[in-house]
Amino acid sequence: MPSGVAVRPELEVADIARRFFAALCDGYRLSHQQHTVLRDIMLCRTASLGGHLDECPCCGHQRPSYNSCLNRHCPKCQWPASQRWLEQRQKRLLPTHHFHVVFTVPAELRELISGNRELLYGVLFQSATSALLQLAGDEKRLGAQPGITAVLHSWTRDLLQHHHS
């Protein structure tokens, strides 16, 4: 197969969403955003969103091409952008060791965060940064001043609220 030609995997996120969407809605209360994302993923590149007919100028073979949903959470729509982003980040990596550290907010505080996001996200980042600087700066441990990139994650893989950085 020529390079650059996308091969459709045997199973896609959209296939799973179509198969289990009704059961998911029966068992869980989805937010409007979660419902919209799943709906868009299920409809992405299907006749439901319209499209056009591609035709080979040599042999006349025709094939339908369906429109994308353009939802930022859709793996089909965002795959090329995510690959470009990864390539750009990899170019910026320094030839040094790095560590992935996660600071998770206790479940008991999740409701509190929902009503005070700006304040409590600030406290989360300030606390995480302070802890890392103190730990890394300790001469008995690392004795260094780290560079820190902090990212807020507020959902689990199954789209449940879960605040961590």
C-alpha atoms as a PDB file:
ATOM      1  CA  MET A   1       0.000   0.000   0.000  1.00  0.00           C
ATOM      2  CA  PRO A   2       1.440   3.430  -0.932  1.00  0.00           C
ATOM      3  CA  SER A   3       2.574   5.649   1.925  1.00  0.00           C
ATOM      4  CA  GLY A   4       0.133   8.353   2.930  1.00  0.00           C
ATOM      5  CA  VAL A   5      -2.897   6.228   2.069  1.00  0.00           C
ATOM      6  CA  ALA A   6      -5.149   5.824   5.081  1.00  0.00           C
ATOM      7  CA  VAL A   7      -6.230   2.283   5.853  1.00  0.00           C
ATOM      8  CA  ARG A   8      -9.574   2.025   7.631  1.00  0.00           C
ATOM      9  CA  PRO A   9      -9.163   0.044  10.845  1.00  0.00           C
ATOM     10  CA  GLU A  10     -11.419  -2.931  11.447  1.00  0.00           C
ATOM     11  CA  LEU A  11     -13.147  -1.154  14.339  1.00  0.00           C
ATOM     12  CA  GLU A  12     -13.490   2.592  14.914  1.00  0.00           C
ATOM     13  CA  VAL A  13     -14.675   4.672  17.854  1.00  0.00           C
ATOM     14  CA  ALA A  14     -17.770   5.531  15.801  1.00  0.00           C
ATOM     15  CA  ASP A  15     -18.624   1.821  15.467  1.00  0.00           C
ATOM     16  CA  ILE A  16     -18.417   1.369  19.224  1.00  0.00           C
ATOM     17  CA  ALA A  17     -20.460   4.507  19.856  1.00  0.00           C
ATOM     18  CA  ARG A  18     -23.180   3.353  17.441  1.00  0.00           C
ATOM     19  CA  ARG A  19     -23.327  -0.049  19.057  1.00  0.00           C
ATOM     20  CA  PHE A  20     -23.472   1.080  22.688  1.00  0.00           C
ATOM     21  CA  PHE A  21     -24.926   4.615  22.563  1.00  0.00           C
ATOM     22  CA  ALA A  22     -28.483   3.616  23.512  1.00  0.00           C
ATOM     23  CA  ALA A  23     -27.285   1.470  26.428  1.00  0.00           C
ATOM     24  CA  LEU A  24     -24.979   4.262  27.570  1.00  0.00           C
ATOM     25  CA  CYS A  25     -27.858   6.758  27.570  1.00  0.00           C
ATOM     26  CA  ASP A  26     -30.045   4.280  29.471  1.00  0.00           C
ATOM     27  CA  GLY A  27     -27.410   3.689  32.154  1.00  0.00           C
ATOM     28  CA  TYR A  28     -25.888   7.181  32.534  1.00  0.00           C
ATOM     29  CA  ARG A  29     -26.976  10.777  32.370  1.00  0.00           C
ATOM     30  CA  LEU A  30     -24.836  12.389  29.679  1.00  0.00           C
ATOM     31  CA  SER A  31     -24.163  16.104  29.647  1.00  0.00           C
ATOM     32  CA  HIS A  32     -25.220  18.072  26.567  1.00  0.00           C
ATOM     33  CA  GLN A  33     -21.564  18.247  25.478  1.00  0.00           C
ATOM     34  CA  GLN A  34     -21.014  14.498  25.887  1.00  0.00           C
ATOM     35  CA  HIS A  35     -24.192  13.752  23.934  1.00  0.00           C
ATOM     36  CA  THR A  36     -23.162  16.156  21.153  1.00  0.00           C
ATOM     37  CA  VAL A  37     -19.655  14.702  20.891  1.00  0.00           C
ATOM     38  CA  LEU A  38     -20.940  11.134  20.644  1.00  0.00           C
ATOM     39  CA  ARG A  39     -23.624  12.123  18.118  1.00  0.00           C
ATOM     40  CA  ASP A  40     -21.041  13.916  15.965  1.00  0.00           C
ATOM     41  CA  ILE A  41     -18.618  10.970  16.117  1.00  0.00           C
ATOM     42  CA  MET A  42     -21.396   8.557  15.084  1.00  0.00           C
ATOM     43  CA  LEU A  43     -22.396  10.752  12.116  1.00  0.00           C
ATOM     44  CA  CYS A  44     -18.880  11.721  10.992  1.00  0.00           C
ATOM     45  CA  ARG A  45     -18.201  10.817   7.361  1.00  0.00           C
ATOM     46  CA  THR A  46     -21.596   9.253   6.846  1.00  0.00           C
ATOM     47  CA  ALA A  47     -24.326  10.148   4.361  1.00  0.00           C
ATOM     48  CA  SER A  48     -26.152  11.914   7.214  1.00  0.00           C
ATOM     49  CA  LEU A  49     -23.750  14.861   6.940  1.00  0.00           C
ATOM     50  CA  GLY A  50     -23.870  14.988   3.145  1.00  0.00           C
ATOM     51  CA  GLY A  51     -20.946  14.710   0.809  1.00  0.00           C
ATOM     52  CA  HIS A  52     -19.956  14.486  -2.818  1.00  0.00           C
ATOM     53  CA  LEU A  53     -19.030  11.907  -5.440  1.00  0.00           C
ATOM     54  CA  ASP A  54     -15.351  11.418  -6.313  1.00  0.00           C
ATOM     55  CA  GLU A  55     -14.742  10.226  -9.855  1.00  0.00           C
ATOM     56  CA  CYS A  56     -11.535   8.886 -11.378  1.00  0.00           C
ATOM     57  CA  PRO A  57     -10.730  10.947 -14.497  1.00  0.00           C
ATOM     58  CA  CYS A  58      -9.122   7.903 -16.162  1.00  0.00           C
ATOM     59  CA  CYS A  59     -11.619   5.076 -15.668  1.00  0.00           C
ATOM     60  CA  GLY A  60     -14.713   6.891 -14.421  1.00  0.00           C
ATOM     61  CA  HIS A  61     -14.917   4.858 -11.206  1.00  0.00           C
ATOM     62  CA  GLN A  62     -17.046   6.704  -8.670  1.00  0.00           C
ATOM     63  CA  ARG A  63     -16.876   6.666  -4.899  1.00  0.00           C
ATOM     64  CA  PRO A  64     -18.849   8.716  -2.370  1.00  0.00           C
ATOM     65  CA  SER A  65     -16.915  10.967   0.033  1.00  0.00           C
ATOM     66  CA  TYR A  66     -18.880  12.056   3.062  1.00  0.00           C
ATOM     67  CA  ASN A  67     -18.432  15.229   5.077  1.00  0.00           C
ATOM     68  CA  SER A  68     -16.650  15.331   8.437  1.00  0.00           C
ATOM     69  CA  CYS A  69     -18.306  16.469  11.650  1.00  0.00           C
ATOM     70  CA  LEU A  70     -15.337  18.756  12.522  1.00  0.00           C
ATOM     71  CA  ASN A  71     -15.900  18.163  16.233  1.00  0.00           C
ATOM     72  CA  ARG A  72     -12.629  18.745  18.078  1.00  0.00           C
ATOM     73  CA  HIS A  73     -13.140  15.500  20.025  1.00  0.00           C
ATOM     74  CA  CYS A  74     -13.662  13.317  16.945  1.00  0.00           C
ATOM     75  CA  PRO A  75     -10.733  10.968  16.346  1.00  0.00           C
ATOM     76  CA  LYS A  76     -11.302  10.976  12.554  1.00  0.00           C
ATOM     77  CA  CYS A  77     -11.371  14.754  12.278  1.00  0.00           C
ATOM     78  CA  GLN A  78      -8.583  15.444  14.731  1.00  0.00           C
ATOM     79  CA  TRP A  79      -6.120  12.680  13.785  1.00  0.00           C
ATOM     80  CA  PRO A  80      -4.163  14.750  11.229  1.00  0.00           C
ATOM     81  CA  ALA A  81      -4.044  17.758  13.554  1.00  0.00           C
ATOM     82  CA  SER A  82      -2.955  15.599  16.494  1.00  0.00           C
ATOM     83  CA  GLN A  83      -0.171  14.055  14.400  1.00  0.00           C
ATOM     84  CA  ARG A  84       1.087  17.518  13.377  1.00  0.00           C
ATOM     85  CA  TRP A  85       0.932  18.637  17.014  1.00  0.00           C
ATOM     86  CA  LEU A  86       2.920  15.593  18.162  1.00  0.00           C
ATOM     87  CA  GLU A  87       5.566  16.138  15.484  1.00  0.00           C
ATOM     88  CA  GLN A  88       5.927  19.782  16.537  1.00  0.00           C
ATOM     89  CA  ARG A  89       6.257  18.825  20.226  1.00  0.00           C
ATOM     90  CA  GLN A  90       8.833  16.128  19.466  1.00  0.00           C
ATOM     91  CA  LYS A  91      10.989  18.663  17.639  1.00  0.00           C
ATOM     92  CA  ARG A  92      11.068  20.742  20.840  1.00  0.00           C
ATOM     93  CA  LEU A  93      12.010  17.894  23.213  1.00  0.00           C
ATOM     94  CA  LEU A  94      15.312  18.327  24.937  1.00  0.00           C
ATOM     95  CA  PRO A  95      17.695  15.371  25.058  1.00  0.00           C
ATOM     96  CA  THR A  96      17.093  14.828  28.758  1.00  0.00           C
ATOM     97  CA  HIS A  97      15.088  12.666  31.111  1.00  0.00           C
ATOM     98  CA  HIS A  98      11.593  13.716  32.007  1.00  0.00           C
ATOM     99  CA  PHE A  99       8.952  12.512  34.414  1.00  0.00           C
ATOM    100  CA  HIS A 100       5.181  12.446  34.200  1.00  0.00           C
ATOM    101  CA  VAL A 101       3.641  13.359  37.549  1.00  0.00           C
ATOM    102  CA  VAL A 102      -0.098  13.446  38.221  1.00  0.00           C
ATOM    103  CA  PHE A 103      -1.777  15.381  41.033  1.00  0.00           C
ATOM    104  CA  THR A 104      -5.354  14.205  41.542  1.00  0.00           C
ATOM    105  CA  VAL A 105      -8.055  16.083  43.414  1.00  0.00           C
ATOM    106  CA  PRO A 106      -9.790  13.880  46.016  1.00  0.00           C
ATOM    107  CA  ALA A 107     -13.274  12.748  45.004  1.00  0.00           C
ATOM    108  CA  GLU A 108     -14.734  14.573  47.997  1.00  0.00           C
ATOM    109  CA  LEU A 109     -13.713  17.933  46.485  1.00  0.00           C
ATOM    110  CA  ARG A 110     -15.067  17.421  42.942  1.00  0.00           C
ATOM    111  CA  GLU A 111     -18.447  19.015  43.690  1.00  0.00           C
ATOM    112  CA  LEU A 112     -16.709  21.991  45.271  1.00  0.00           C
ATOM    113  CA  ILE A 113     -14.534  22.475  42.186  1.00  0.00           C
ATOM    114  CA  SER A 114     -17.556  22.520  39.887  1.00  0.00           C
ATOM    115  CA  GLY A 115     -18.812  25.709  41.521  1.00  0.00           C
ATOM    116  CA  ASN A 116     -15.411  27.382  42.033  1.00  0.00           C
ATOM    117  CA  ARG A 117     -13.357  26.338  39.022  1.00  0.00           C
ATOM    118  CA  GLU A 118     -11.132  29.379  38.553  1.00  0.00           C
ATOM    119  CA  LEU A 119     -10.154  29.632  42.214  1.00  0.00           C
ATOM    120  CA  LEU A 120      -9.654  25.904  42.860  1.00  0.00           C
ATOM    121  CA  TYR A 121      -7.875  25.152  39.575  1.00  0.00           C
ATOM    122  CA  GLY A 122      -5.483  27.937  40.561  1.00  0.00           C
ATOM    123  CA  VAL A 123      -4.955  26.319  43.965  1.00  0.00           C
ATOM    124  CA  LEU A 124      -4.380  22.925  42.278  1.00  0.00           C
ATOM    125  CA  PHE A 125      -1.702  24.302  39.933  1.00  0.00           C
ATOM    126  CA  GLN A 126      -0.071  26.404  42.663  1.00  0.00           C
ATOM    127  CA  SER A 127       0.061  23.434  45.043  1.00  0.00           C
ATOM    128  CA  ALA A 128       1.374  21.033  42.411  1.00  0.00           C
ATOM    129  CA  THR A 129       4.063  23.492  41.297  1.00  0.00           C
ATOM    130  CA  SER A 130       5.109  24.212  44.876  1.00  0.00           C
ATOM    131  CA  ALA A 131       5.362  20.504  45.705  1.00  0.00           C
ATOM    132  CA  LEU A 132       7.467  19.769  42.610  1.00  0.00           C
ATOM    133  CA  LEU A 133       9.814  22.704  43.191  1.00  0.00           C
ATOM    134  CA  GLN A 134      10.289  21.747  46.846  1.00  0.00           C
ATOM    135  CA  LEU A 135      10.861  18.067  46.089  1.00  0.00           C
ATOM    136  CA  ALA A 136      13.223  18.631  43.151  1.00  0.00           C
ATOM    137  CA  GLY A 137      15.104  21.387  44.972  1.00  0.00           C
ATOM    138  CA  ASP A 138      15.859  19.186  47.991  1.00  0.00           C
ATOM    139  CA  GLU A 139      19.604  18.470  47.937  1.00  0.00           C
ATOM    140  CA  LYS A 140      18.983  14.989  49.380  1.00  0.00           C
ATOM    141  CA  ARG A 141      16.786  14.136  46.399  1.00  0.00           C
ATOM    142  CA  LEU A 142      17.567  15.887  43.114  1.00  0.00           C
ATOM    143  CA  GLY A 143      19.004  19.270  44.040  1.00  0.00           C
ATOM    144  CA  ALA A 144      17.730  20.886  40.875  1.00  0.00           C
ATOM    145  CA  GLN A 145      15.286  23.459  39.610  1.00  0.00           C
ATOM    146  CA  PRO A 146      12.898  21.677  37.245  1.00  0.00           C
ATOM    147  CA  GLY A 147      11.121  22.978  34.204  1.00  0.00           C
ATOM    148  CA  ILE A 148       7.410  22.316  34.602  1.00  0.00           C
ATOM    149  CA  THR A 149       4.690  21.995  32.008  1.00  0.00           C
ATOM    150  CA  ALA A 150       1.292  21.684  33.670  1.00  0.00           C
ATOM    151  CA  VAL A 151      -1.886  20.552  31.955  1.00  0.00           C
ATOM    152  CA  LEU A 152      -5.357  20.411  33.445  1.00  0.00           C
ATOM    153  CA  HIS A 153      -7.378  17.268  32.813  1.00  0.00           C
ATOM    154  CA  SER A 154     -10.956  17.423  34.011  1.00  0.00           C
ATOM    155  CA  TRP A 155     -12.462  14.238  32.540  1.00  0.00           C
ATOM    156  CA  THR A 156     -11.683  10.549  32.664  1.00  0.00           C
ATOM    157  CA  ARG A 157     -11.487   8.434  29.515  1.00  0.00           C
ATOM    158  CA  ASP A 158     -15.144   7.526  29.988  1.00  0.00           C
ATOM    159  CA  LEU A 159     -16.012  11.251  30.213  1.00  0.00           C
ATOM    160  CA  LEU A 160     -16.700  11.352  33.933  1.00  0.00           C
ATOM    161  CA  GLN A 161     -15.650  14.439  35.878  1.00  0.00           C
ATOM    162  CA  HIS A 162     -12.173  13.859  37.360  1.00  0.00           C
ATOM    163  CA  HIS A 163      -9.899  16.825  38.044  1.00  0.00           C
ATOM    164  CA  HIS A 164      -6.150  16.298  37.895  1.00  0.00           C
ATOM    165  CA  SER A 165      -3.063  18.027  36.602  1.00  0.00           C
END
